[in-house]
PDB file of all heavy atoms in Angstrom:
ATOM      1  N   ASP A   1      92.568 103.673 119.384  1.00  0.00           N
ATOM      2  CA  ASP A   1      91.511 103.502 118.445  1.00  0.00           C
ATOM      3  C   ASP A   1      92.004 102.972 117.081  1.00  0.00           C
ATOM      4  O   ASP A   1      91.371 102.043 116.497  1.00  0.00           O
ATOM      5  CB  ASP A   1      90.704 104.716 118.344  1.00  0.00           C
ATOM      6  CG  ASP A   1      89.809 105.119 119.495  1.00  0.00           C
ATOM      7  OD1 ASP A   1      89.743 104.234 120.413  1.00  0.00           O
ATOM      8  OD2 ASP A   1      89.318 106.232 119.571  1.00  0.00           O
ATOM      9  N   THR A   2      93.204 103.473 116.611  1.00  0.00           N
ATOM     10  CA  THR A   2      93.757 103.028 115.373  1.00  0.00           C
ATOM     11  C   THR A   2      94.135 101.527 115.559  1.00  0.00           C
ATOM     12  O   THR A   2      94.010 100.683 114.622  1.00  0.00           O
ATOM     13  CB  THR A   2      94.934 103.829 115.030  1.00  0.00           C
ATOM     14  OG1 THR A   2      94.531 105.311 114.992  1.00  0.00           O
ATOM     15  CG2 THR A   2      95.472 103.434 113.678  1.00  0.00           C
ATOM     16  N   ILE A   3      94.835 101.165 116.645  1.00  0.00           N
ATOM     17  CA  ILE A   3      95.294  99.742 116.771  1.00  0.00           C
ATOM     18  C   ILE A   3      94.046  98.881 116.872  1.00  0.00           C
ATOM     19  O   ILE A   3      94.094  97.820 116.238  1.00  0.00           O
ATOM     20  CB  ILE A   3      95.991  99.734 118.151  1.00  0.00           C
ATOM     21  CG1 ILE A   3      97.350 100.620 118.121  1.00  0.00           C
ATOM     22  CG2 ILE A   3      96.435  98.221 118.377  1.00  0.00           C
ATOM     23  CD1 ILE A   3      98.211 100.673 119.411  1.00  0.00           C
ATOM     24  N   LEU A   4      92.954  99.210 117.534  1.00  0.00           N
ATOM     25  CA  LEU A   4      91.784  98.312 117.600  1.00  0.00           C
ATOM     26  C   LEU A   4      91.096  98.176 116.299  1.00  0.00           C
ATOM     27  O   LEU A   4      90.523  97.184 116.032  1.00  0.00           O
ATOM     28  CB  LEU A   4      90.841  98.904 118.695  1.00  0.00           C
ATOM     29  CG  LEU A   4      91.429  98.879 120.078  1.00  0.00           C
ATOM     30  CD1 LEU A   4      90.414  99.576 121.042  1.00  0.00           C
ATOM     31  CD2 LEU A   4      91.674  97.550 120.573  1.00  0.00           C
ATOM     32  N   SER A   5      91.008  99.284 115.616  1.00  0.00           N
ATOM     33  CA  SER A   5      90.260  99.268 114.296  1.00  0.00           C
ATOM     34  C   SER A   5      90.931  98.933 113.168  1.00  0.00           C
ATOM     35  O   SER A   5      90.456  98.538 112.037  1.00  0.00           O
ATOM     36  CB  SER A   5      89.507 100.622 114.149  1.00  0.00           C
ATOM     37  OG  SER A   5      90.410 101.580 113.924  1.00  0.00           O
ATOM     38  N   LYS A   6      92.308  99.006 113.177  1.00  0.00           N
ATOM     39  CA  LYS A   6      93.229  98.700 111.951  1.00  0.00           C
ATOM     40  C   LYS A   6      94.331  97.817 112.204  1.00  0.00           C
ATOM     41  O   LYS A   6      95.522  98.104 111.950  1.00  0.00           O
ATOM     42  CB  LYS A   6      93.743 100.107 111.458  1.00  0.00           C
ATOM     43  CG  LYS A   6      92.673 101.142 111.025  1.00  0.00           C
ATOM     44  CD  LYS A   6      93.269 102.448 110.457  1.00  0.00           C
ATOM     45  CE  LYS A   6      92.170 103.403 110.081  1.00  0.00           C
ATOM     46  NZ  LYS A   6      92.658 104.620 109.610  1.00  0.00           N
ATOM     47  N   ARG A   7      93.956  96.674 112.719  1.00  0.00           N
ATOM     48  CA  ARG A   7      94.934  95.686 112.975  1.00  0.00           C
ATOM     49  C   ARG A   7      95.752  95.215 111.690  1.00  0.00           C
ATOM     50  O   ARG A   7      96.926  94.964 111.737  1.00  0.00           O
ATOM     51  CB  ARG A   7      94.300  94.486 113.566  1.00  0.00           C
ATOM     52  CG  ARG A   7      93.815  94.759 114.992  1.00  0.00           C
ATOM     53  CD  ARG A   7      93.299  93.427 115.613  1.00  0.00           C
ATOM     54  NE  ARG A   7      92.727  93.604 116.922  1.00  0.00           N
ATOM     55  CZ  ARG A   7      92.416  92.573 117.846  1.00  0.00           C
ATOM     56  NH1 ARG A   7      92.852  91.412 117.398  1.00  0.00           N
ATOM     57  NH2 ARG A   7      91.929  92.841 119.002  1.00  0.00           N
ATOM     58  N   GLU A   8      94.999  95.191 110.578  1.00  0.00           N
ATOM     59  CA  GLU A   8      95.576  94.680 109.273  1.00  0.00           C
ATOM     60  C   GLU A   8      96.788  95.625 108.907  1.00  0.00           C
ATOM     61  O   GLU A   8      97.755  95.220 108.385  1.00  0.00           O
ATOM     62  CB  GLU A   8      94.480  94.515 108.311  1.00  0.00           C
ATOM     63  CG  GLU A   8      93.620  93.327 108.394  1.00  0.00           C
ATOM     64  CD  GLU A   8      94.326  92.024 108.224  1.00  0.00           C
ATOM     65  OE1 GLU A   8      95.288  91.953 107.494  1.00  0.00           O
ATOM     66  OE2 GLU A   8      93.843  91.010 108.763  1.00  0.00           O
ATOM     67  N   GLU A   9      96.455  96.911 109.071  1.00  0.00           N
ATOM     68  CA  GLU A   9      97.399  97.928 108.636  1.00  0.00           C
ATOM     69  C   GLU A   9      98.686  97.877 109.539  1.00  0.00           C
ATOM     70  O   GLU A   9      99.803  98.088 109.178  1.00  0.00           O
ATOM     71  CB  GLU A   9      96.804  99.354 108.656  1.00  0.00           C
ATOM     72  CG  GLU A   9      95.676  99.454 107.525  1.00  0.00           C
ATOM     73  CD  GLU A   9      95.112 100.904 107.605  1.00  0.00           C
ATOM     74  OE1 GLU A   9      95.754 101.720 108.235  1.00  0.00           O
ATOM     75  OE2 GLU A   9      94.068 101.084 106.824  1.00  0.00           O
ATOM     76  N   MET A  10      98.323  97.688 110.869  1.00  0.00           N
ATOM     77  CA  MET A  10      99.503  97.645 111.816  1.00  0.00           C
ATOM     78  C   MET A  10     100.351  96.349 111.466  1.00  0.00           C
ATOM     79  O   MET A  10     101.610  96.458 111.628  1.00  0.00           O
ATOM     80  CB  MET A  10      98.918  97.466 113.271  1.00  0.00           C
ATOM     81  CG  MET A  10      98.096  98.704 113.784  1.00  0.00           C
ATOM     82  SD  MET A  10      98.987 100.187 113.905  1.00  0.00           S
ATOM     83  CE  MET A  10      98.532 100.965 112.369  1.00  0.00           C
ATOM     84  N   GLY A  11      99.657  95.302 111.151  1.00  0.00           N
ATOM     85  CA  GLY A  11     100.461  94.061 110.738  1.00  0.00           C
ATOM     86  C   GLY A  11     101.388  94.291 109.536  1.00  0.00           C
ATOM     87  O   GLY A  11     102.507  93.833 109.449  1.00  0.00           O
ATOM     88  N   LYS A  12     100.856  94.931 108.512  1.00  0.00           N
ATOM     89  CA  LYS A  12     101.493  95.270 107.312  1.00  0.00           C
ATOM     90  C   LYS A  12     102.810  96.209 107.612  1.00  0.00           C
ATOM     91  O   LYS A  12     103.857  95.950 106.974  1.00  0.00           O
ATOM     92  CB  LYS A  12     100.526  95.999 106.332  1.00  0.00           C
ATOM     93  CG  LYS A  12      99.531  95.016 105.773  1.00  0.00           C
ATOM     94  CD  LYS A  12      98.600  95.702 104.644  1.00  0.00           C
ATOM     95  CE  LYS A  12      97.554  94.770 104.207  1.00  0.00           C
ATOM     96  NZ  LYS A  12      96.672  95.453 103.236  1.00  0.00           N
ATOM     97  N   ASP A  13     102.611  97.224 108.521  1.00  0.00           N
ATOM     98  CA  ASP A  13     103.670  98.042 108.802  1.00  0.00           C
ATOM     99  C   ASP A  13     104.731  97.273 109.536  1.00  0.00           C
ATOM    100  O   ASP A  13     105.960  97.386 109.321  1.00  0.00           O
ATOM    101  CB  ASP A  13     103.179  99.114 109.658  1.00  0.00           C
ATOM    102  CG  ASP A  13     102.228 100.083 109.005  1.00  0.00           C
ATOM    103  OD1 ASP A  13     102.335 100.154 107.814  1.00  0.00           O
ATOM    104  OD2 ASP A  13     101.495 100.842 109.639  1.00  0.00           O
ATOM    105  N   ILE A  14     104.382  96.341 110.479  1.00  0.00           N
ATOM    106  CA  ILE A  14     105.379  95.516 111.148  1.00  0.00           C
ATOM    107  C   ILE A  14     106.198  94.580 110.155  1.00  0.00           C
ATOM    108  O   ILE A  14     107.266  94.473 110.112  1.00  0.00           O
ATOM    109  CB  ILE A  14     104.763  94.767 112.230  1.00  0.00           C
ATOM    110  CG1 ILE A  14     104.198  95.678 113.337  1.00  0.00           C
ATOM    111  CG2 ILE A  14     105.729  93.832 112.895  1.00  0.00           C
ATOM    112  CD1 ILE A  14     103.237  94.929 114.403  1.00  0.00           C
ATOM    113  N   LYS A  15     105.239  94.102 109.230  1.00  0.00           N
ATOM    114  CA  LYS A  15     105.835  93.101 108.219  1.00  0.00           C
ATOM    115  C   LYS A  15     106.920  93.826 107.404  1.00  0.00           C
ATOM    116  O   LYS A  15     107.994  93.381 107.088  1.00  0.00           O
ATOM    117  CB  LYS A  15     104.757  92.592 107.365  1.00  0.00           C
ATOM    118  CG  LYS A  15     105.277  91.790 106.128  1.00  0.00           C
ATOM    119  CD  LYS A  15     104.141  91.523 105.166  1.00  0.00           C
ATOM    120  CE  LYS A  15     104.722  90.739 103.930  1.00  0.00           C
ATOM    121  NZ  LYS A  15     103.548  90.447 103.029  1.00  0.00           N
ATOM    122  N   ALA A  16     106.704  95.121 106.926  1.00  0.00           N
ATOM    123  CA  ALA A  16     107.545  95.860 106.092  1.00  0.00           C
ATOM    124  C   ALA A  16     108.859  96.003 106.921  1.00  0.00           C
ATOM    125  O   ALA A  16     109.945  95.945 106.305  1.00  0.00           O
ATOM    126  CB  ALA A  16     106.949  97.163 105.697  1.00  0.00           C
ATOM    127  N   ILE A  17     108.887  96.430 108.159  1.00  0.00           N
ATOM    128  CA  ILE A  17     110.075  96.596 108.981  1.00  0.00           C
ATOM    129  C   ILE A  17     110.895  95.411 109.151  1.00  0.00           C
ATOM    130  O   ILE A  17     112.092  95.405 108.720  1.00  0.00           O
ATOM    131  CB  ILE A  17     109.704  97.123 110.345  1.00  0.00           C
ATOM    132  CG1 ILE A  17     108.974  98.525 110.051  1.00  0.00           C
ATOM    133  CG2 ILE A  17     110.944  97.259 111.110  1.00  0.00           C
ATOM    134  CD1 ILE A  17     108.561  99.131 111.516  1.00  0.00           C
ATOM    135  N   VAL A  18     110.208  94.238 109.402  1.00  0.00           N
ATOM    136  CA  VAL A  18     111.010  92.900 109.566  1.00  0.00           C
ATOM    137  C   VAL A  18     111.500  92.496 108.243  1.00  0.00           C
ATOM    138  O   VAL A  18     112.619  91.912 108.238  1.00  0.00           O
ATOM    139  CB  VAL A  18     109.985  91.966 110.258  1.00  0.00           C
ATOM    140  CG1 VAL A  18     110.792  90.668 110.521  1.00  0.00           C
ATOM    141  CG2 VAL A  18     109.523  92.445 111.592  1.00  0.00           C
ATOM    142  N   ALA A  19     110.776  92.600 107.261  1.00  0.00           N
ATOM    143  CA  ALA A  19     111.168  92.136 105.941  1.00  0.00           C
ATOM    144  C   ALA A  19     112.434  92.873 105.439  1.00  0.00           C
ATOM    145  O   ALA A  19     113.340  92.254 104.798  1.00  0.00           O
ATOM    146  CB  ALA A  19     109.955  92.215 104.923  1.00  0.00           C
ATOM    147  N   GLU A  20     112.403  94.103 105.687  1.00  0.00           N
ATOM    148  CA  GLU A  20     113.634  94.922 105.223  1.00  0.00           C
ATOM    149  C   GLU A  20     114.911  94.516 105.920  1.00  0.00           C
ATOM    150  O   GLU A  20     116.004  94.384 105.382  1.00  0.00           O
ATOM    151  CB  GLU A  20     113.351  96.396 105.413  1.00  0.00           C
ATOM    152  CG  GLU A  20     114.480  97.220 104.951  1.00  0.00           C
ATOM    153  CD  GLU A  20     114.111  98.762 105.152  1.00  0.00           C
ATOM    154  OE1 GLU A  20     113.036  99.044 105.688  1.00  0.00           O
ATOM    155  OE2 GLU A  20     115.055  99.646 104.904  1.00  0.00           O
ATOM    156  N   GLU A  21     114.775  94.176 107.277  1.00  0.00           N
ATOM    157  CA  GLU A  21     115.885  93.830 108.037  1.00  0.00           C
ATOM    158  C   GLU A  21     116.305  92.353 107.757  1.00  0.00           C
ATOM    159  O   GLU A  21     117.603  92.127 107.741  1.00  0.00           O
ATOM    160  CB  GLU A  21     115.577  93.892 109.552  1.00  0.00           C
ATOM    161  CG  GLU A  21     115.241  95.388 110.073  1.00  0.00           C
ATOM    162  CD  GLU A  21     116.527  96.298 109.945  1.00  0.00           C
ATOM    163  OE1 GLU A  21     117.608  95.749 110.126  1.00  0.00           O
ATOM    164  OE2 GLU A  21     116.333  97.427 109.809  1.00  0.00           O
ATOM    165  N   THR A  22     115.520  91.558 107.319  1.00  0.00           N
ATOM    166  CA  THR A  22     115.874  90.078 107.063  1.00  0.00           C
ATOM    167  C   THR A  22     116.081  89.722 105.715  1.00  0.00           C
ATOM    168  O   THR A  22     116.293  88.539 105.407  1.00  0.00           O
ATOM    169  CB  THR A  22     114.747  89.202 107.782  1.00  0.00           C
ATOM    170  OG1 THR A  22     113.477  89.495 107.089  1.00  0.00           O
ATOM    171  CG2 THR A  22     114.490  89.353 109.159  1.00  0.00           C
ATOM    172  N   LEU A  23     116.028  90.705 104.819  1.00  0.00           N
ATOM    173  CA  LEU A  23     116.201  90.365 103.352  1.00  0.00           C
ATOM    174  C   LEU A  23     117.544  89.819 103.002  1.00  0.00           C
ATOM    175  O   LEU A  23     117.509  88.935 102.352  1.00  0.00           O
ATOM    176  CB  LEU A  23     115.967  91.741 102.538  1.00  0.00           C
ATOM    177  CG  LEU A  23     116.037  91.651 101.059  1.00  0.00           C
ATOM    178  CD1 LEU A  23     114.843  90.713 100.540  1.00  0.00           C
ATOM    179  CD2 LEU A  23     115.877  92.970 100.364  1.00  0.00           C
ATOM    180  N   HIS A  24     118.686  90.327 103.612  1.00  0.00           N
ATOM    181  CA  HIS A  24     119.943  89.832 103.284  1.00  0.00           C
ATOM    182  C   HIS A  24     120.231  88.543 104.148  1.00  0.00           C
ATOM    183  O   HIS A  24     121.441  88.143 104.063  1.00  0.00           O
ATOM    184  CB  HIS A  24     120.987  90.986 103.715  1.00  0.00           C
ATOM    185  CG  HIS A  24     121.054  91.381 105.105  1.00  0.00           C
ATOM    186  ND1 HIS A  24     120.099  92.226 105.666  1.00  0.00           N
ATOM    187  CD2 HIS A  24     121.882  91.007 106.118  1.00  0.00           C
ATOM    188  CE1 HIS A  24     120.430  92.378 106.978  1.00  0.00           C
ATOM    189  NE2 HIS A  24     121.453  91.600 107.288  1.00  0.00           N
ATOM    190  N   TRP A  25     119.306  88.089 104.873  1.00  0.00           N
ATOM    191  CA  TRP A  25     119.459  86.705 105.606  1.00  0.00           C
ATOM    192  C   TRP A  25     118.981  85.545 104.732  1.00  0.00           C
ATOM    193  O   TRP A  25     118.961  84.455 105.149  1.00  0.00           O
ATOM    194  CB  TRP A  25     118.773  86.785 106.965  1.00  0.00           C
ATOM    195  CG  TRP A  25     119.372  87.756 107.918  1.00  0.00           C
ATOM    196  CD1 TRP A  25     120.541  88.479 107.815  1.00  0.00           C
ATOM    197  CD2 TRP A  25     118.763  88.164 109.109  1.00  0.00           C
ATOM    198  NE1 TRP A  25     120.759  89.147 108.818  1.00  0.00           N
ATOM    199  CE2 TRP A  25     119.743  89.126 109.706  1.00  0.00           C
ATOM    200  CE3 TRP A  25     117.646  87.782 109.836  1.00  0.00           C
ATOM    201  CZ2 TRP A  25     119.442  89.689 110.903  1.00  0.00           C
ATOM    202  CZ3 TRP A  25     117.391  88.409 111.046  1.00  0.00           C
ATOM    203  CH2 TRP A  25     118.285  89.317 111.667  1.00  0.00           C
ATOM    204  N   GLY A  26     118.352  85.970 103.529  1.00  0.00           N
ATOM    205  CA  GLY A  26     117.665  84.955 102.821  1.00  0.00           C
ATOM    206  C   GLY A  26     116.322  84.477 103.423  1.00  0.00           C
ATOM    207  O   GLY A  26     115.876  83.300 103.139  1.00  0.00           O
ATOM    208  N   ILE A  27     115.668  85.283 104.048  1.00  0.00           N
ATOM    209  CA  ILE A  27     114.447  85.028 104.788  1.00  0.00           C
ATOM    210  C   ILE A  27     113.292  85.876 103.995  1.00  0.00           C
ATOM    211  O   ILE A  27     113.406  87.029 103.762  1.00  0.00           O
ATOM    212  CB  ILE A  27     114.380  85.420 106.148  1.00  0.00           C
ATOM    213  CG1 ILE A  27     115.596  84.647 106.972  1.00  0.00           C
ATOM    214  CG2 ILE A  27     113.005  85.047 106.848  1.00  0.00           C
ATOM    215  CD1 ILE A  27     115.279  83.214 106.963  1.00  0.00           C
ATOM    216  N   VAL A  28     112.132  85.246 103.727  1.00  0.00           N
ATOM    217  CA  VAL A  28     110.948  85.795 103.191  1.00  0.00           C
ATOM    218  C   VAL A  28     109.868  85.949 104.278  1.00  0.00           C
ATOM    219  O   VAL A  28     109.379  84.945 104.645  1.00  0.00           O
ATOM    220  CB  VAL A  28     110.472  85.116 101.986  1.00  0.00           C
ATOM    221  CG1 VAL A  28     109.161  85.879 101.447  1.00  0.00           C
ATOM    222  CG2 VAL A  28     111.523  85.106 100.816  1.00  0.00           C
ATOM    223  N   ILE A  29     109.447  87.180 104.610  1.00  0.00           N
ATOM    224  CA  ILE A  29     108.465  87.336 105.652  1.00  0.00           C
ATOM    225  C   ILE A  29     107.124  87.297 104.851  1.00  0.00           C
ATOM    226  O   ILE A  29     106.771  88.133 104.027  1.00  0.00           O
ATOM    227  CB  ILE A  29     108.658  88.647 106.373  1.00  0.00           C
ATOM    228  CG1 ILE A  29     109.962  88.763 106.996  1.00  0.00           C
ATOM    229  CG2 ILE A  29     107.447  88.862 107.423  1.00  0.00           C
ATOM    230  CD1 ILE A  29     110.220  87.717 108.120  1.00  0.00           C
ATOM    231  N   ILE A  30     106.217  86.326 105.216  1.00  0.00           N
ATOM    232  CA  ILE A  30     105.061  86.129 104.449  1.00  0.00           C
ATOM    233  C   ILE A  30     103.888  87.068 104.981  1.00  0.00           C
ATOM    234  O   ILE A  30     103.247  87.810 104.239  1.00  0.00           O
ATOM    235  CB  ILE A  30     104.603  84.677 104.464  1.00  0.00           C
ATOM    236  CG1 ILE A  30     105.599  83.765 103.873  1.00  0.00           C
ATOM    237  CG2 ILE A  30     103.205  84.541 103.837  1.00  0.00           C
ATOM    238  CD1 ILE A  30     105.313  82.303 103.850  1.00  0.00           C
ATOM    239  N   ASP A  31     103.780  87.108 106.303  1.00  0.00           N
ATOM    240  CA  ASP A  31     102.796  87.961 106.868  1.00  0.00           C
ATOM    241  C   ASP A  31     103.022  88.140 108.419  1.00  0.00           C
ATOM    242  O   ASP A  31     103.710  87.379 109.050  1.00  0.00           O
ATOM    243  CB  ASP A  31     101.411  87.300 106.669  1.00  0.00           C
ATOM    244  CG  ASP A  31     100.190  88.355 106.777  1.00  0.00           C
ATOM    245  OD1 ASP A  31     100.561  89.547 107.069  1.00  0.00           O
ATOM    246  OD2 ASP A  31      99.051  87.938 106.610  1.00  0.00           O
ATOM    247  N   VAL A  32     102.380  89.135 109.024  1.00  0.00           N
ATOM    248  CA  VAL A  32     102.402  89.454 110.336  1.00  0.00           C
ATOM    249  C   VAL A  32     101.057  89.765 110.854  1.00  0.00           C
ATOM    250  O   VAL A  32     100.414  90.704 110.212  1.00  0.00           O
ATOM    251  CB  VAL A  32     103.425  90.613 110.688  1.00  0.00           C
ATOM    252  CG1 VAL A  32     103.396  90.894 112.212  1.00  0.00           C
ATOM    253  CG2 VAL A  32     104.876  90.230 110.360  1.00  0.00           C
TER     254      VAL A  32
END
């Protein structure tokens, strides 16, 4: 139910994880 009703929040959580890992690669994650 959380995945179905809160897609935006799920996308923000995924973005935070990927952005942290790719920060030292010179990559900026805009959105997920």
